[in-house]
C-alpha cells in the first residue's frame, strides 16, 4: 500500500488535473504506458499517457489548450494541456 501512495504522490498536479477533469465530466481516465515502470525504477517519466473513453470532440470541449491529430499510423490522440505543454 505504501508503494501505491508513493507513486500517487509523484503524479504532477497537471496530470491529476487532466484525469480529475475527465472523471468530473463522467468519463473514465487511467494512467497508462511506461510511466509506472519509470516511477518504480525511480526515473523521471518522459511523458504521461492517459487512456479515456471520452471522444476527441469531448476532450476538446473540456480543455482550453488542445490539438487533435489523426493519421493512419496512430490512434487518434488529443494532447490536453494543463499548465505547460511540451511537443
Protein backbone atom coordinates (compact mmCIF):
# COMPACT_ATOMS: atom_id res chain seq x y z
CA UNK A 1 0.00 0.00 0.00
CA UNK A 2 2.86 2.38 0.75
CA UNK A 3 4.27 1.83 -2.75
CA UNK A 4 0.97 2.89 -4.30
CA UNK A 5 0.78 6.00 -2.10
CA UNK A 6 4.35 6.91 -3.05
CA UNK A 7 3.53 6.52 -6.76
CA UNK A 8 0.41 8.65 -6.44
CA UNK A 9 2.39 11.42 -4.74
CA UNK A 10 4.74 11.55 -7.75
CA UNK A 11 1.95 12.34 -10.21
CA UNK A 12 2.29 16.00 -11.25
CA UNK A 13 -0.65 18.27 -10.43
CA UNK A 14 -1.12 18.97 -14.16
CA UNK A 15 -1.65 15.26 -14.84
CA UNK A 16 -4.04 14.95 -11.90
CA UNK A 17 -5.93 17.96 -13.25
CA UNK A 18 -6.47 16.22 -16.59
CA UNK A 19 -7.67 12.96 -15.02
CA UNK A 20 -9.87 14.81 -12.50
CA UNK A 21 -11.42 16.94 -15.24
CA UNK A 22 -12.21 13.87 -17.33
CA UNK A 23 -13.64 11.98 -14.35
CA UNK A 24 -15.62 15.04 -13.21
CA UNK A 25 -17.26 15.14 -16.64
CA UNK A 26 -18.33 11.50 -16.24
CA UNK A 27 -15.55 9.83 -18.24
CA UNK A 28 -13.05 7.19 -17.25
CA UNK A 29 -9.37 8.21 -17.08
CA UNK A 30 -6.40 5.91 -16.49
CA UNK A 31 -2.65 6.47 -16.47
CA UNK A 32 -1.13 4.01 -18.93
CA UNK A 33 2.16 3.22 -20.61
CA UNK A 34 5.72 3.29 -19.39
CA UNK A 35 5.05 5.78 -16.61
CA UNK A 36 4.70 3.04 -13.99
CA UNK A 37 7.98 1.39 -14.91
CA UNK A 38 9.69 4.79 -14.86
CA UNK A 39 8.30 5.61 -11.42
CA UNK A 40 9.11 2.20 -9.97
CA UNK A 41 12.66 2.46 -11.32
CA UNK A 42 12.85 6.00 -9.89
CA UNK A 43 13.28 7.57 -13.33
CA UNK A 44 11.63 10.79 -14.43
CA UNK A 45 8.78 9.89 -16.83
CA UNK A 46 9.26 11.37 -20.32
CA UNK A 47 5.52 11.71 -20.78
CA UNK A 48 2.25 10.87 -19.09
CA UNK A 49 -0.26 8.89 -21.16
CA UNK A 50 -3.92 8.89 -20.18
CA UNK A 51 -6.47 6.48 -21.63
CA UNK A 52 -10.10 7.60 -21.58
CA UNK A 53 -13.45 6.65 -23.02
CA UNK A 54 -14.06 10.31 -23.94
CA UNK A 55 -14.11 11.01 -27.67
CA UNK A 56 -11.71 13.61 -29.09
CA UNK A 57 -14.51 16.14 -29.54
CA UNK A 58 -15.50 15.70 -25.88
CA UNK A 59 -11.92 16.16 -24.68
CA UNK A 60 -11.54 19.32 -26.76
CA UNK A 61 -14.64 20.72 -25.06
CA UNK A 62 -13.13 20.19 -21.60
CA UNK A 63 -9.73 21.83 -22.04
CA UNK A 64 -8.70 25.26 -23.26
CA UNK A 65 -5.48 24.11 -24.98
CA UNK A 66 -5.95 21.05 -27.17
CA UNK A 67 -4.78 19.79 -30.54
CA UNK A 68 -6.47 16.97 -32.41
CA UNK A 69 -4.35 14.93 -34.80
CA UNK A 70 -5.18 11.72 -36.62
CA UNK A 71 -3.10 9.70 -39.00
CA UNK A 72 -3.32 6.20 -40.40
CA UNK A 73 -0.21 5.19 -38.45
CA UNK A 74 -1.57 6.01 -35.00
CA UNK A 75 -4.73 6.11 -32.95
CA UNK A 76 -6.42 9.46 -32.67
CA UNK A 77 -4.86 11.44 -29.86
CA UNK A 78 -5.64 14.74 -28.25
CA UNK A 79 -2.96 16.35 -26.12
CA UNK A 80 -4.75 18.25 -23.37
CA UNK A 81 -2.55 20.80 -21.66
CA UNK A 82 -2.91 21.69 -18.02
CA UNK A 83 -0.17 24.13 -17.24
CA UNK A 84 2.82 23.65 -19.52
CA UNK A 85 2.68 21.68 -22.76
CA UNK A 86 5.64 20.15 -24.49
CA UNK A 87 5.80 18.96 -28.05
